[in-house]
């Protein structure tokens, strides 16, 4: 990513940098459910912010798939959902979503990252 950022800076382009922390982090659980690990999503978001801080650019946004419902589609987070929990409320017909608790947890962590970021 740093090479892409450097090229855009050299060309004087104005872009909106957005991280899609969900799609690259999809995996199959031992029971066959399509899932994502909260910790992997968080790690990608942290790396996105760290790279932009180091490059002197601003992280413009993150793409998340989430719901306000108490689903069990992604593992991890403060609720410590595990692969064995997925069957309880797995409702997605396509991609696994962060549940309300995981989404709020991530929102607060992103808020802390944003507070440390210098604005252009």
N, C-alpha and C. Protein backbone atom coordinates (compact mmCIF):
# COMPACT_ATOMS: atom_id res chain seq x y z
N UNK A 1 0.81 -1.19 0.00
CA UNK A 1 0.00 0.00 0.00
C UNK A 1 0.86 1.27 0.00
N UNK A 2 1.97 1.31 0.71
CA UNK A 2 2.78 2.53 0.69
C UNK A 2 3.20 2.96 -0.72
N UNK A 3 3.51 1.99 -1.58
CA UNK A 3 3.91 2.35 -2.94
C UNK A 3 2.76 3.01 -3.70
N UNK A 4 1.55 2.51 -3.50
CA UNK A 4 0.38 3.13 -4.14
C UNK A 4 0.19 4.56 -3.63
N UNK A 5 0.31 4.72 -2.33
CA UNK A 5 0.14 6.05 -1.73
C UNK A 5 1.19 7.01 -2.27
N UNK A 6 2.44 6.56 -2.33
CA UNK A 6 3.52 7.41 -2.82
C UNK A 6 3.27 7.83 -4.27
N UNK A 7 2.83 6.92 -5.10
CA UNK A 7 2.54 7.23 -6.51
C UNK A 7 1.44 8.28 -6.61
N UNK A 8 0.39 8.12 -5.86
CA UNK A 8 -0.71 9.08 -5.88
C UNK A 8 -0.23 10.45 -5.39
N UNK A 9 0.59 10.47 -4.35
CA UNK A 9 1.13 11.74 -3.85
C UNK A 9 1.99 12.42 -4.91
N UNK A 10 2.85 11.63 -5.58
CA UNK A 10 3.72 12.18 -6.63
C UNK A 10 2.92 12.78 -7.77
N UNK A 11 1.79 12.18 -8.10
CA UNK A 11 0.96 12.68 -9.19
C UNK A 11 0.06 13.82 -8.76
N UNK A 12 0.05 14.15 -7.48
CA UNK A 12 -0.75 15.26 -6.98
C UNK A 12 -2.24 15.01 -7.02
N UNK A 13 -2.62 13.77 -7.00
CA UNK A 13 -4.05 13.42 -7.05
C UNK A 13 -4.68 13.52 -5.67
N UNK A 14 -5.95 13.87 -5.66
CA UNK A 14 -6.74 13.84 -4.43
C UNK A 14 -7.61 12.60 -4.47
N UNK A 15 -7.42 11.72 -3.52
CA UNK A 15 -8.19 10.49 -3.47
C UNK A 15 -8.75 10.28 -2.07
N UNK A 16 -9.73 9.43 -2.00
CA UNK A 16 -10.30 9.02 -0.72
C UNK A 16 -9.83 7.59 -0.48
N UNK A 17 -8.99 7.42 0.54
CA UNK A 17 -8.48 6.09 0.87
C UNK A 17 -9.48 5.38 1.77
N UNK A 18 -9.93 4.20 1.32
CA UNK A 18 -10.91 3.42 2.07
C UNK A 18 -10.39 1.99 2.22
N UNK A 19 -10.54 1.46 3.41
CA UNK A 19 -10.12 0.09 3.70
C UNK A 19 -11.33 -0.83 3.71
N UNK A 20 -11.26 -1.92 2.95
CA UNK A 20 -12.29 -2.96 3.01
C UNK A 20 -11.71 -4.09 3.84
N UNK A 21 -11.97 -4.03 5.13
CA UNK A 21 -11.38 -4.99 6.07
C UNK A 21 -12.17 -6.28 6.18
N UNK A 22 -13.23 -6.41 5.41
CA UNK A 22 -14.08 -7.59 5.54
C UNK A 22 -13.76 -8.66 4.49
N UNK A 23 -13.73 -8.29 3.22
CA UNK A 23 -13.69 -9.30 2.16
C UNK A 23 -12.42 -10.13 2.12
N UNK A 24 -11.29 -9.56 2.45
CA UNK A 24 -10.05 -10.34 2.45
C UNK A 24 -9.91 -11.23 3.66
N UNK A 25 -10.83 -11.14 4.57
CA UNK A 25 -10.72 -11.88 5.83
C UNK A 25 -11.82 -12.93 6.00
N UNK A 26 -12.36 -13.42 4.92
CA UNK A 26 -13.39 -14.45 4.99
C UNK A 26 -12.74 -15.82 4.98
N UNK A 27 -13.24 -16.71 5.81
CA UNK A 27 -12.71 -18.07 5.88
C UNK A 27 -13.84 -19.04 6.17
N UNK A 28 -13.56 -20.31 6.07
CA UNK A 28 -14.55 -21.34 6.41
C UNK A 28 -14.24 -21.89 7.79
N UNK A 29 -15.27 -22.02 8.60
CA UNK A 29 -15.10 -22.59 9.94
C UNK A 29 -14.98 -24.11 9.81
N UNK A 30 -14.51 -24.77 10.85
CA UNK A 30 -14.43 -26.24 10.80
C UNK A 30 -15.78 -26.90 10.50
N UNK A 31 -16.87 -26.24 10.89
CA UNK A 31 -18.21 -26.80 10.64
C UNK A 31 -18.78 -26.39 9.28
N UNK A 32 -17.99 -25.63 8.50
CA UNK A 32 -18.41 -25.27 7.15
C UNK A 32 -19.07 -23.91 7.00
N UNK A 33 -19.26 -23.18 8.10
CA UNK A 33 -19.84 -21.84 8.01
C UNK A 33 -18.81 -20.87 7.42
N UNK A 34 -19.28 -19.97 6.58
CA UNK A 34 -18.47 -18.87 6.08
C UNK A 34 -18.41 -17.85 7.21
N UNK A 35 -17.21 -17.46 7.65
CA UNK A 35 -17.09 -16.58 8.80
C UNK A 35 -15.90 -15.63 8.64
N UNK A 36 -15.75 -14.76 9.61
CA UNK A 36 -14.60 -13.85 9.68
C UNK A 36 -14.18 -13.76 11.13
N UNK A 37 -12.90 -13.54 11.35
CA UNK A 37 -12.39 -13.35 12.71
C UNK A 37 -12.32 -11.85 13.00
N UNK A 38 -12.97 -11.44 14.08
CA UNK A 38 -12.97 -10.04 14.48
C UNK A 38 -11.53 -9.52 14.56
N UNK A 39 -10.65 -10.31 15.15
CA UNK A 39 -9.27 -9.88 15.35
C UNK A 39 -8.56 -9.61 14.02
N UNK A 40 -8.87 -10.38 12.98
CA UNK A 40 -8.26 -10.14 11.67
C UNK A 40 -8.78 -8.86 11.03
N UNK A 41 -10.07 -8.61 11.18
CA UNK A 41 -10.66 -7.37 10.67
C UNK A 41 -10.02 -6.18 11.39
N UNK A 42 -9.94 -6.25 12.71
CA UNK A 42 -9.33 -5.18 13.50
C UNK A 42 -7.88 -4.97 13.10
N UNK A 43 -7.14 -6.04 12.92
CA UNK A 43 -5.73 -5.93 12.54
C UNK A 43 -5.57 -5.20 11.21
N UNK A 44 -6.42 -5.50 10.25
CA UNK A 44 -6.34 -4.82 8.95
C UNK A 44 -6.67 -3.33 9.08
N UNK A 45 -7.65 -3.01 9.90
CA UNK A 45 -8.01 -1.60 10.12
C UNK A 45 -6.84 -0.87 10.80
N UNK A 46 -6.24 -1.49 11.81
CA UNK A 46 -5.09 -0.88 12.50
C UNK A 46 -3.95 -0.62 11.52
N UNK A 47 -3.65 -1.61 10.69
CA UNK A 47 -2.58 -1.46 9.72
C UNK A 47 -2.88 -0.32 8.74
N UNK A 48 -4.12 -0.21 8.32
CA UNK A 48 -4.56 0.87 7.44
C UNK A 48 -4.25 2.23 8.06
N UNK A 49 -4.60 2.40 9.34
CA UNK A 49 -4.34 3.66 10.03
C UNK A 49 -2.84 3.89 10.22
N UNK A 50 -2.09 2.85 10.57
CA UNK A 50 -0.65 2.99 10.79
C UNK A 50 0.08 3.39 9.52
N UNK A 51 -0.28 2.77 8.40
CA UNK A 51 0.36 3.10 7.13
C UNK A 51 0.09 4.56 6.77
N UNK A 52 -1.14 5.00 6.92
CA UNK A 52 -1.46 6.39 6.57
C UNK A 52 -0.76 7.37 7.50
N UNK A 53 -0.64 7.03 8.75
CA UNK A 53 0.09 7.91 9.68
C UNK A 53 1.55 8.02 9.26
N UNK A 54 2.17 6.89 8.92
CA UNK A 54 3.56 6.88 8.50
C UNK A 54 3.78 7.62 7.18
N UNK A 55 2.77 7.58 6.29
CA UNK A 55 2.90 8.20 4.97
C UNK A 55 2.46 9.67 4.96
N UNK A 56 1.90 10.13 6.07
CA UNK A 56 1.42 11.51 6.11
C UNK A 56 0.14 11.74 5.33
N UNK A 57 -0.63 10.69 5.16
CA UNK A 57 -1.91 10.79 4.46
C UNK A 57 -3.03 10.47 5.45
N UNK A 58 -4.25 10.67 4.99
CA UNK A 58 -5.40 10.52 5.89
C UNK A 58 -6.27 9.34 5.48
N UNK A 59 -6.55 8.44 6.41
CA UNK A 59 -7.45 7.33 6.12
C UNK A 59 -8.88 7.84 6.03
N UNK A 60 -9.48 7.73 4.86
CA UNK A 60 -10.78 8.35 4.63
C UNK A 60 -11.99 7.56 5.06
N UNK A 61 -11.85 6.24 5.18
CA UNK A 61 -13.02 5.46 5.58
C UNK A 61 -12.72 3.98 5.64
N UNK A 62 -13.65 3.26 6.23
CA UNK A 62 -13.55 1.80 6.26
C UNK A 62 -14.90 1.22 5.84
N UNK A 63 -14.83 0.10 5.14
CA UNK A 63 -16.04 -0.62 4.73
C UNK A 63 -16.23 -1.78 5.68
N UNK A 64 -17.41 -1.88 6.27
CA UNK A 64 -17.73 -2.99 7.16
C UNK A 64 -19.06 -3.59 6.75
N UNK A 65 -19.22 -4.85 7.01
CA UNK A 65 -20.52 -5.50 6.86
C UNK A 65 -20.98 -5.84 8.26
N UNK A 66 -22.10 -5.25 8.65
CA UNK A 66 -22.57 -5.40 10.02
C UNK A 66 -24.08 -5.33 10.09
N UNK A 67 -24.60 -5.70 11.23
CA UNK A 67 -26.03 -5.64 11.49
C UNK A 67 -26.23 -5.21 12.93
N UNK A 68 -27.37 -4.64 13.21
CA UNK A 68 -27.73 -4.28 14.58
C UNK A 68 -28.31 -5.45 15.35
N UNK A 69 -28.37 -6.59 14.69
CA UNK A 69 -28.94 -7.79 15.31
C UNK A 69 -27.85 -8.58 16.05
N UNK A 70 -28.29 -9.43 16.95
CA UNK A 70 -27.37 -10.25 17.74
C UNK A 70 -27.09 -11.57 17.03
N UNK A 71 -26.54 -11.48 15.80
CA UNK A 71 -26.23 -12.68 15.04
C UNK A 71 -24.90 -13.28 15.50
N UNK A 72 -24.66 -14.50 15.09
CA UNK A 72 -23.38 -15.16 15.38
C UNK A 72 -22.78 -15.61 14.06
N UNK A 73 -22.20 -14.65 13.33
CA UNK A 73 -21.64 -14.92 12.01
C UNK A 73 -20.13 -14.71 11.96
N UNK A 74 -19.62 -13.81 12.80
CA UNK A 74 -18.18 -13.57 12.90
C UNK A 74 -17.72 -14.01 14.29
N UNK A 75 -16.53 -14.57 14.37
CA UNK A 75 -16.01 -15.04 15.65
C UNK A 75 -15.10 -13.98 16.26
N UNK A 76 -14.97 -14.04 17.60
CA UNK A 76 -14.07 -13.13 18.30
C UNK A 76 -14.78 -11.91 18.84
N UNK A 77 -13.98 -10.93 19.21
CA UNK A 77 -14.52 -9.73 19.84
C UNK A 77 -14.69 -9.95 21.34
N UNK A 78 -15.21 -8.93 22.00
CA UNK A 78 -15.37 -9.00 23.45
C UNK A 78 -16.32 -10.11 23.88
N UNK A 79 -17.25 -10.48 23.01
CA UNK A 79 -18.18 -11.56 23.34
C UNK A 79 -17.50 -12.93 23.26
N UNK A 80 -16.30 -12.94 22.68
CA UNK A 80 -15.51 -14.17 22.54
C UNK A 80 -16.28 -15.28 21.83
N UNK A 81 -17.03 -14.89 20.78
CA UNK A 81 -17.72 -15.91 19.99
C UNK A 81 -16.70 -16.84 19.35
N UNK A 82 -17.00 -18.12 19.36
CA UNK A 82 -16.11 -19.12 18.80
C UNK A 82 -16.82 -19.86 17.68
N UNK A 83 -16.08 -20.68 16.97
CA UNK A 83 -16.67 -21.43 15.86
C UNK A 83 -17.87 -22.26 16.30
N UNK A 84 -17.85 -22.74 17.53
CA UNK A 84 -18.96 -23.55 18.04
C UNK A 84 -20.23 -22.73 18.24
N UNK A 85 -20.10 -21.39 18.28
CA UNK A 85 -21.25 -20.51 18.49
C UNK A 85 -21.97 -20.14 17.19
N UNK A 86 -21.34 -20.38 16.06
CA UNK A 86 -21.88 -19.90 14.78
C UNK A 86 -23.29 -20.41 14.49
N UNK A 87 -23.59 -21.62 14.85
CA UNK A 87 -24.90 -22.22 14.52
C UNK A 87 -26.06 -21.53 15.24
N UNK A 88 -25.78 -20.84 16.36
CA UNK A 88 -26.85 -20.29 17.20
C UNK A 88 -27.74 -19.28 16.47
N UNK A 89 -27.12 -18.31 15.80
CA UNK A 89 -27.90 -17.27 15.10
C UNK A 89 -27.21 -16.86 13.80
N UNK A 90 -26.83 -17.82 13.02
CA UNK A 90 -26.23 -17.53 11.72
C UNK A 90 -27.36 -17.30 10.75
N UNK A 91 -27.52 -16.05 10.30
CA UNK A 91 -28.67 -15.69 9.47
C UNK A 91 -28.31 -15.20 8.08
N UNK A 92 -27.05 -14.91 7.83
CA UNK A 92 -26.65 -14.35 6.55
C UNK A 92 -26.89 -15.34 5.41
N UNK A 93 -27.39 -14.81 4.30
CA UNK A 93 -27.55 -15.62 3.10
C UNK A 93 -26.34 -15.49 2.18
N UNK A 94 -25.41 -14.60 2.57
CA UNK A 94 -24.24 -14.37 1.72
C UNK A 94 -22.98 -14.27 2.57
N UNK A 95 -22.64 -13.06 2.98
CA UNK A 95 -21.40 -12.84 3.72
C UNK A 95 -21.67 -12.65 5.21
N UNK A 96 -20.76 -13.15 6.05
CA UNK A 96 -20.92 -12.98 7.49
C UNK A 96 -20.73 -11.52 7.89
N UNK A 97 -21.55 -11.09 8.85
CA UNK A 97 -21.54 -9.70 9.30
C UNK A 97 -21.12 -9.62 10.76
N UNK A 98 -20.53 -8.49 11.12
CA UNK A 98 -20.30 -8.21 12.53
C UNK A 98 -21.66 -8.03 13.18
N UNK A 99 -21.82 -8.53 14.40
CA UNK A 99 -23.08 -8.29 15.11
C UNK A 99 -23.02 -6.93 15.80
N UNK A 100 -24.09 -6.55 16.47
CA UNK A 100 -24.17 -5.22 17.08
C UNK A 100 -23.03 -4.98 18.06
N UNK A 101 -22.73 -5.95 18.91
CA UNK A 101 -21.67 -5.81 19.90
C UNK A 101 -20.30 -5.67 19.23
N UNK A 102 -20.02 -6.51 18.25
CA UNK A 102 -18.74 -6.44 17.55
C UNK A 102 -18.60 -5.12 16.78
N UNK A 103 -19.69 -4.66 16.17
CA UNK A 103 -19.65 -3.41 15.42
C UNK A 103 -19.38 -2.22 16.34
N UNK A 104 -20.04 -2.20 17.49
CA UNK A 104 -19.79 -1.11 18.45
C UNK A 104 -18.37 -1.17 19.00
N UNK A 105 -17.91 -2.35 19.31
CA UNK A 105 -16.53 -2.51 19.79
C UNK A 105 -15.55 -1.95 18.77
N UNK A 106 -15.74 -2.33 17.51
CA UNK A 106 -14.85 -1.85 16.46
C UNK A 106 -14.97 -0.34 16.27
N UNK A 107 -16.19 0.18 16.37
CA UNK A 107 -16.40 1.63 16.23
C UNK A 107 -15.63 2.41 17.29
N UNK A 108 -15.66 1.94 18.53
CA UNK A 108 -14.92 2.63 19.59
C UNK A 108 -13.41 2.53 19.36
N UNK A 109 -12.93 1.39 18.91
CA UNK A 109 -11.50 1.25 18.63
C UNK A 109 -11.08 2.14 17.46
N UNK A 110 -11.91 2.23 16.43
CA UNK A 110 -11.61 3.11 15.30
C UNK A 110 -11.63 4.57 15.75
N UNK A 111 -12.55 4.91 16.62
CA UNK A 111 -12.61 6.28 17.15
C UNK A 111 -11.29 6.65 17.85
N UNK A 112 -10.74 5.71 18.60
CA UNK A 112 -9.45 5.96 19.26
C UNK A 112 -8.33 6.14 18.23
N UNK A 113 -8.36 5.34 17.18
CA UNK A 113 -7.35 5.47 16.12
C UNK A 113 -7.48 6.82 15.43
N UNK A 114 -8.71 7.24 15.16
CA UNK A 114 -8.93 8.51 14.48
C UNK A 114 -8.46 9.69 15.32
N UNK A 115 -8.63 9.59 16.62
CA UNK A 115 -8.22 10.66 17.52
C UNK A 115 -6.70 10.88 17.47
N UNK A 116 -5.96 9.83 17.14
CA UNK A 116 -4.50 9.91 17.08
C UNK A 116 -4.00 10.32 15.70
N UNK A 117 -4.89 10.41 14.73
CA UNK A 117 -4.51 10.69 13.35
C UNK A 117 -4.49 12.19 13.11
N UNK A 118 -3.46 12.66 12.42
CA UNK A 118 -3.40 14.08 12.06
C UNK A 118 -4.25 14.30 10.82
N UNK A 119 -5.01 15.37 10.85
CA UNK A 119 -5.84 15.70 9.68
C UNK A 119 -5.01 16.51 8.69
N UNK A 120 -5.30 16.31 7.40
CA UNK A 120 -4.52 17.04 6.38
C UNK A 120 -4.82 18.52 6.40
